[in-house]
C-alpha atoms as a PDB file:
ATOM      1  CA  MET A   1       7.448 -14.193 -40.508  1.00  0.00           C
ATOM      2  CA  ALA A   2       6.731 -17.686 -39.200  1.00  0.00           C
ATOM      3  CA  VAL A   3       5.353 -18.482 -35.778  1.00  0.00           C
ATOM      4  CA  ILE A   4       8.021 -19.953 -33.491  1.00  0.00           C
ATOM      5  CA  THR A   5       6.611 -22.747 -31.352  1.00  0.00           C
ATOM      6  CA  ILE A   6       8.387 -24.228 -28.361  1.00  0.00           C
ATOM      7  CA  ASP A   7       7.160 -27.769 -28.936  1.00  0.00           C
ATOM      8  CA  TYR A   8       6.812 -29.291 -25.480  1.00  0.00           C
ATOM      9  CA  MET A   9       5.436 -26.105 -23.915  1.00  0.00           C
ATOM     10  CA  ASN A  10       3.221 -25.096 -26.875  1.00  0.00           C
ATOM     11  CA  LYS A  11       4.032 -21.444 -26.166  1.00  0.00           C
ATOM     12  CA  GLU A  12       4.469 -19.467 -29.334  1.00  0.00           C
ATOM     13  CA  LEU A  13       5.962 -16.184 -30.425  1.00  0.00           C
ATOM     14  CA  ILE A  14       4.345 -14.399 -33.322  1.00  0.00           C
ATOM     15  CA  GLY A  15       6.751 -12.702 -35.702  1.00  0.00           C
ATOM     16  CA  ILE A  16       5.887  -9.086 -36.440  1.00  0.00           C
ATOM     17  CA  THR A  17       8.999  -7.699 -38.143  1.00  0.00           C
ATOM     18  CA  ARG A  18      12.256  -9.151 -39.405  1.00  0.00           C
ATOM     19  CA  ASN A  19      14.874  -6.997 -41.081  1.00  0.00           C
ATOM     20  CA  GLU A  20      18.617  -6.356 -41.059  1.00  0.00           C
ATOM     21  CA  ASP A  21      18.420  -4.186 -37.937  1.00  0.00           C
ATOM     22  CA  TYR A  22      16.018  -6.110 -35.708  1.00  0.00           C
ATOM     23  CA  ASN A  23      13.360  -8.767 -35.180  1.00  0.00           C
ATOM     24  CA  LEU A  24      10.146  -8.000 -33.302  1.00  0.00           C
ATOM     25  CA  TYR A  25       7.872 -10.699 -31.883  1.00  0.00           C
ATOM     26  CA  SER A  26       4.674 -10.759 -29.861  1.00  0.00           C
ATOM     27  CA  SER A  27       4.143 -13.251 -27.039  1.00  0.00           C
ATOM     28  CA  PRO A  28       0.504 -14.237 -26.476  1.00  0.00           C
ATOM     29  CA  PHE A  29       1.719 -15.945 -23.299  1.00  0.00           C
ATOM     30  CA  ILE A  30       2.953 -12.636 -21.844  1.00  0.00           C
ATOM     31  CA  ILE A  31      -0.207 -10.830 -22.966  1.00  0.00           C
ATOM     32  CA  ASN A  32      -2.505 -13.472 -21.452  1.00  0.00           C
ATOM     33  CA  ASN A  33      -0.568 -13.727 -18.171  1.00  0.00           C
ATOM     34  CA  LYS A  34       0.446 -10.087 -17.721  1.00  0.00           C
ATOM     35  CA  ASN A  35      -0.708  -9.657 -14.118  1.00  0.00           C
ATOM     36  CA  GLY A  36       0.989 -12.830 -12.894  1.00  0.00           C
ATOM     37  CA  ILE A  37       4.204 -11.887 -14.704  1.00  0.00           C
ATOM     38  CA  ILE A  38       4.127  -8.389 -13.204  1.00  0.00           C
ATOM     39  CA  ASP A  39       3.847 -10.057  -9.778  1.00  0.00           C
ATOM     40  CA  ILE A  40       6.858 -12.264 -10.552  1.00  0.00           C
ATOM     41  CA  ALA A  41       8.879  -9.277 -11.775  1.00  0.00           C
ATOM     42  CA  THR A  42       7.990  -7.305  -8.638  1.00  0.00           C
ATOM     43  CA  ARG A  43       8.990 -10.190  -6.356  1.00  0.00           C
ATOM     44  CA  ALA A  44      12.242 -10.555  -8.313  1.00  0.00           C
ATOM     45  CA  TYR A  45      12.920  -6.828  -7.996  1.00  0.00           C
ATOM     46  CA  ASN A  46      12.295  -6.932  -4.252  1.00  0.00           C
ATOM     47  CA  LYS A  47      14.608  -9.953  -3.913  1.00  0.00           C
ATOM     48  CA  PHE A  48      17.241  -8.085  -5.939  1.00  0.00           C
ATOM     49  CA  LYS A  49      17.006  -5.067  -3.586  1.00  0.00           C
ATOM     50  CA  GLU A  50      17.315  -7.292  -0.528  1.00  0.00           C
ATOM     51  CA  VAL A  51      20.359  -9.190  -1.811  1.00  0.00           C
ATOM     52  CA  TYR A  52      22.228  -6.321  -3.474  1.00  0.00           C
ATOM     53  CA  LYS A  53      21.232  -3.528  -1.047  1.00  0.00           C
ATOM     54  CA  THR A  54      20.335  -1.177  -3.914  1.00  0.00           C
ATOM     55  CA  SER A  55      17.232  -0.353  -5.911  1.00  0.00           C
ATOM     56  CA  GLU A  56      19.275   0.148  -9.106  1.00  0.00           C
ATOM     57  CA  SER A  57      18.545  -3.060 -11.018  1.00  0.00           C
ATOM     58  CA  THR A  58      19.444  -1.511 -14.390  1.00  0.00           C
ATOM     59  CA  TRP A  59      22.980  -0.234 -13.892  1.00  0.00           C
ATOM     60  CA  THR A  60      24.038  -3.293 -11.877  1.00  0.00           C
ATOM     61  CA  TYR A  61      23.242  -5.536 -14.866  1.00  0.00           C
ATOM     62  CA  ASP A  62      26.749  -7.040 -14.696  1.00  0.00           C
ATOM     63  CA  LYS A  63      26.238  -8.375 -11.149  1.00  0.00           C
ATOM     64  CA  TYR A  64      23.224 -10.663 -11.626  1.00  0.00           C
ATOM     65  CA  ASN A  65      21.024 -12.464 -14.122  1.00  0.00           C
ATOM     66  CA  ILE A  66      17.282 -11.940 -13.690  1.00  0.00           C
ATOM     67  CA  PHE A  67      16.614 -15.594 -14.530  1.00  0.00           C
ATOM     68  CA  THR A  68      18.664 -16.791 -11.562  1.00  0.00           C
ATOM     69  CA  ILE A  69      16.689 -14.425  -9.322  1.00  0.00           C
ATOM     70  CA  MET A  70      13.384 -15.657 -10.818  1.00  0.00           C
ATOM     71  CA  ALA A  71      14.366 -19.333 -10.489  1.00  0.00           C
ATOM     72  CA  GLY A  72      11.377 -21.348  -9.329  1.00  0.00           C
ATOM     73  CA  GLU A  73       8.854 -18.601 -10.125  1.00  0.00           C
ATOM     74  CA  PRO A  74       5.759 -19.591 -12.109  1.00  0.00           C
ATOM     75  CA  TYR A  75       6.069 -18.632 -15.786  1.00  0.00           C
ATOM     76  CA  SER A  76       9.779 -17.682 -15.626  1.00  0.00           C
ATOM     77  CA  TYR A  77      10.842 -20.897 -17.349  1.00  0.00           C
ATOM     78  CA  ILE A  78       8.439 -20.268 -20.238  1.00  0.00           C
ATOM     79  CA  ILE A  79       9.655 -16.676 -20.555  1.00  0.00           C
ATOM     80  CA  PHE A  80      13.251 -17.961 -20.666  1.00  0.00           C
ATOM     81  CA  GLN A  81      12.388 -20.548 -23.338  1.00  0.00           C
ATOM     82  CA  GLN A  82      10.655 -17.917 -25.478  1.00  0.00           C
ATOM     83  CA  LEU A  83      13.620 -15.586 -25.134  1.00  0.00           C
ATOM     84  CA  VAL A  84      16.048 -18.325 -26.182  1.00  0.00           C
ATOM     85  CA  ALA A  85      13.823 -19.217 -29.169  1.00  0.00           C
ATOM     86  CA  ALA A  86      13.800 -15.583 -30.328  1.00  0.00           C
ATOM     87  CA  ILE A  87      17.565 -15.266 -29.877  1.00  0.00           C
ATOM     88  CA  ARG A  88      18.181 -18.468 -31.853  1.00  0.00           C
ATOM     89  CA  ASP A  89      15.824 -17.277 -34.587  1.00  0.00           C
ATOM     90  CA  ARG A  90      17.686 -13.950 -34.836  1.00  0.00           C
ATOM     91  CA  VAL A  91      21.194 -15.477 -34.695  1.00  0.00           C
ATOM     92  CA  GLY A  92      20.259 -18.246 -37.115  1.00  0.00           C
ATOM     93  CA  ASP A  93      22.519 -21.036 -35.870  1.00  0.00           C
ATOM     94  CA  GLY A  94      23.271 -23.280 -32.898  1.00  0.00           C
ATOM     95  CA  ARG A  95      26.687 -21.940 -31.803  1.00  0.00           C
ATOM     96  CA  PRO A  96      27.355 -21.515 -28.065  1.00  0.00           C
ATOM     97  CA  LEU A  97      25.853 -18.276 -26.774  1.00  0.00           C
ATOM     98  CA  TRP A  98      25.872 -16.472 -23.427  1.00  0.00           C
ATOM     99  CA  LEU A  99      23.054 -14.329 -22.093  1.00  0.00           C
ATOM    100  CA  GLN A 100      23.049 -11.530 -19.555  1.00  0.00           C
ATOM    101  CA  SER A 101      19.613 -10.330 -18.537  1.00  0.00           C
ATOM    102  CA  TRP A 102      18.324  -7.802 -16.041  1.00  0.00           C
ATOM    103  CA  LEU A 103      15.191  -5.963 -15.028  1.00  0.00           C
ATOM    104  CA  ASN A 104      14.379  -2.341 -15.837  1.00  0.00           C
ATOM    105  CA  TYR A 105      11.918  -1.313 -13.128  1.00  0.00           C
ATOM    106  CA  HIS A 106      11.310   2.405 -13.587  1.00  0.00           C
ATOM    107  CA  LYS A 107       9.053   5.203 -12.445  1.00  0.00           C
ATOM    108  CA  GLU A 108       8.276   7.811 -15.108  1.00  0.00           C
ATOM    109  CA  ASP A 109      11.234  10.044 -14.180  1.00  0.00           C
ATOM    110  CA  GLU A 110      13.660   7.080 -14.265  1.00  0.00           C
ATOM    111  CA  VAL A 111      13.251   5.867 -17.863  1.00  0.00           C
ATOM    112  CA  LEU A 112      16.483   5.521 -19.771  1.00  0.00           C
ATOM    113  CA  ASP A 113      18.143   8.356 -21.638  1.00  0.00           C
ATOM    114  CA  TRP A 114      20.274   7.870 -24.774  1.00  0.00           C
ATOM    115  CA  HIS A 115      22.632   4.889 -24.497  1.00  0.00           C
ATOM    116  CA  TRP A 116      23.921   1.957 -26.529  1.00  0.00           C
ATOM    117  CA  HIS A 117      25.091  -1.585 -25.917  1.00  0.00           C
ATOM    118  CA  ASP A 118      28.660  -2.547 -26.696  1.00  0.00           C
ATOM    119  CA  GLU A 119      29.430  -3.879 -30.171  1.00  0.00           C
ATOM    120  CA  ASP A 120      30.998  -6.967 -28.525  1.00  0.00           C
ATOM    121  CA  TYR A 121      27.432  -8.222 -28.069  1.00  0.00           C
ATOM    122  CA  ILE A 122      25.922  -9.928 -31.092  1.00  0.00           C
ATOM    123  CA  ALA A 123      22.424  -8.897 -30.022  1.00  0.00           C
ATOM    124  CA  HIS A 124      20.535  -6.731 -27.558  1.00  0.00           C
ATOM    125  CA  GLY A 125      16.860  -6.832 -26.754  1.00  0.00           C
ATOM    126  CA  TYR A 126      14.028  -6.395 -24.341  1.00  0.00           C
ATOM    127  CA  LEU A 127      10.671  -7.910 -23.455  1.00  0.00           C
ATOM    128  CA  SER A 128       7.870  -5.482 -22.618  1.00  0.00           C
ATOM    129  CA  ILE A 129       6.030  -6.671 -19.520  1.00  0.00           C
ATOM    130  CA  GLU A 130       4.451  -3.376 -18.381  1.00  0.00           C
ATOM    131  CA  PRO A 131       5.674  -0.808 -20.916  1.00  0.00           C
ATOM    132  CA  LYS A 132       3.151   1.946 -20.128  1.00  0.00           C
ATOM    133  CA  ASN A 133       2.582   4.299 -23.077  1.00  0.00           C
ATOM    134  CA  THR A 134       6.197   4.460 -24.296  1.00  0.00           C
ATOM    135  CA  VAL A 135       8.319   3.973 -27.383  1.00  0.00           C
ATOM    136  CA  THR A 136      11.976   3.091 -27.709  1.00  0.00           C
ATOM    137  CA  GLU A 137      13.527   5.490 -30.165  1.00  0.00           C
ATOM    138  CA  PHE A 138      16.641   4.289 -31.982  1.00  0.00           C
ATOM    139  CA  GLU A 139      18.679   6.492 -34.297  1.00  0.00           C
ATOM    140  CA  LYS A 140      17.256   4.712 -37.377  1.00  0.00           C
ATOM    141  CA  PHE A 141      13.801   3.551 -36.248  1.00  0.00           C
ATOM    142  CA  THR A 142      11.269   3.586 -33.403  1.00  0.00           C
ATOM    143  CA  ILE A 143       9.692   0.614 -31.630  1.00  0.00           C
ATOM    144  CA  GLU A 144       6.243   1.014 -30.114  1.00  0.00           C
ATOM    145  CA  ASN A 145       6.316  -0.751 -26.758  1.00  0.00           C
ATOM    146  CA  LYS A 146       3.317  -3.025 -26.208  1.00  0.00           C
ATOM    147  CA  VAL A 147       2.731  -5.719 -23.608  1.00  0.00           C
ATOM    148  CA  GLY A 148       4.282  -8.971 -24.835  1.00  0.00           C
ATOM    149  CA  ASN A 149       6.519  -7.421 -27.497  1.00  0.00           C
ATOM    150  CA  LEU A 150       9.990  -8.928 -27.665  1.00  0.00           C
ATOM    151  CA  TYR A 151      12.553  -6.827 -29.538  1.00  0.00           C
ATOM    152  CA  ILE A 152      15.985  -8.194 -30.518  1.00  0.00           C
ATOM    153  CA  GLY A 153      18.471  -6.360 -32.708  1.00  0.00           C
ATOM    154  CA  LYS A 154      21.957  -5.129 -33.457  1.00  0.00           C
ATOM    155  CA  THR A 155      24.233  -3.367 -30.979  1.00  0.00           C
ATOM    156  CA  GLY A 156      26.986  -0.775 -30.987  1.00  0.00           C
ATOM    157  CA  PRO A 157      27.306   2.692 -32.504  1.00  0.00           C
ATOM    158  CA  GLY A 158      24.375   3.517 -34.731  1.00  0.00           C
ATOM    159  CA  TYR A 159      21.979   1.697 -32.416  1.00  0.00           C
ATOM    160  CA  ASN A 160      21.827   4.304 -29.664  1.00  0.00           C
ATOM    161  CA  HIS A 161      18.373   4.400 -28.138  1.00  0.00           C
ATOM    162  CA  VAL A 162      16.203   6.219 -25.610  1.00  0.00           C
ATOM    163  CA  VAL A 163      12.851   5.514 -23.959  1.00  0.00           C
ATOM    164  CA  ARG A 164      10.231   8.180 -24.701  1.00  0.00           C
ATOM    165  CA  VAL A 165       7.179   8.531 -22.463  1.00  0.00           C
ATOM    166  CA  ARG A 166       4.172   9.381 -24.636  1.00  0.00           C
ATOM    167  CA  GLU A 167       1.783   9.880 -21.738  1.00  0.00           C
ATOM    168  CA  PRO A 168       2.551  10.501 -18.049  1.00  0.00           C
ATOM    169  CA  TYR A 169       2.094   7.384 -15.924  1.00  0.00           C
ATOM    170  CA  GLU A 170       1.874   6.271 -12.335  1.00  0.00           C
ATOM    171  CA  GLY A 171       3.370   3.048 -11.083  1.00  0.00           C
ATOM    172  CA  ILE A 172       6.265   1.169 -12.643  1.00  0.00           C
ATOM    173  CA  ARG A 173       7.380   0.520 -16.218  1.00  0.00           C
ATOM    174  CA  ILE A 174       8.812  -3.024 -16.382  1.00  0.00           C
ATOM    175  CA  THR A 175      10.983  -4.528 -19.097  1.00  0.00           C
ATOM    176  CA  LEU A 176      13.207  -7.583 -19.064  1.00  0.00           C
ATOM    177  CA  VAL A 177      16.385  -6.620 -20.929  1.00  0.00           C
ATOM    178  CA  PHE A 178      19.198  -8.736 -22.352  1.00  0.00           C
ATOM    179  CA  ASP A 179      22.496  -8.836 -24.234  1.00  0.00           C
ATOM    180  CA  VAL A 180      23.936 -11.851 -26.072  1.00  0.00           C
ATOM    181  CA  LYS A 181      27.579 -12.793 -26.715  1.00  0.00           C
ATOM    182  CA  ASP A 182      29.056 -15.627 -28.747  1.00  0.00           C
ATOM    183  CA  SER A 183      32.350 -15.618 -26.867  1.00  0.00           C
ATOM    184  CA  CYS A 184      32.793 -14.979 -23.204  1.00  0.00           C
ATOM    185  CA  THR A 185      36.179 -14.754 -21.551  1.00  0.00           C
ATOM    186  CA  ALA A 186      36.828 -14.352 -17.847  1.00  0.00           C
ATOM    187  CA  THR A 187      35.750 -10.883 -16.752  1.00  0.00           C
ATOM    188  CA  LYS A 188      34.389  -9.212 -13.646  1.00  0.00           C
ATOM    189  CA  ASN A 189      30.929  -9.566 -15.164  1.00  0.00           C
ATOM    190  CA  LEU A 190      28.912 -12.090 -13.129  1.00  0.00           C
ATOM    191  CA  SER A 191      25.729 -12.049 -15.180  1.00  0.00           C
ATOM    192  CA  PHE A 192      26.296 -14.335 -18.178  1.00  0.00           C
ATOM    193  CA  ILE A 193      24.649 -17.757 -18.416  1.00  0.00           C
ATOM    194  CA  PRO A 194      24.965 -20.194 -21.351  1.00  0.00           C
ATOM    195  CA  ILE A 195      22.030 -20.742 -23.690  1.00  0.00           C
END
């Protein structure tokens, strides 16, 4: 798989896997700036809690977009550009797309059980910021979660997945998660932004 380079930022994604079900990339930028990005994610999470009066940033995904909360934060623009590059690479064309994105910010006993993302989305994915020693197990395959890995794949039935903790951990597991649509009609969902 070719390296995707965002020309004016010179921030690249390295392709690891590309198949019918998913694409997997590695971001040297995330790897090399992990601590600063964890700080940004933590500040964003704290801002989310203050504004929305809840600590549940995962299941309120339809109420906010993590990139609007991280606006002005160092590195967030580069992360957004890398995410858009990966989405465009997976989708393969320049049609209008809409992105909803949220933060999973979980202690060990809060990691996600089996679930799936609606087939109305043309893609679902996540960026591992602080994945701890975990894997994401899909019905057909398993993704080893490593710092800087960006997964993007199909949605709907058949793509149910669960986070498995391989080794007990302290602290917080952090992933930036997203869904992509190619048509977006008026709904109660407040999280979509155009890309």
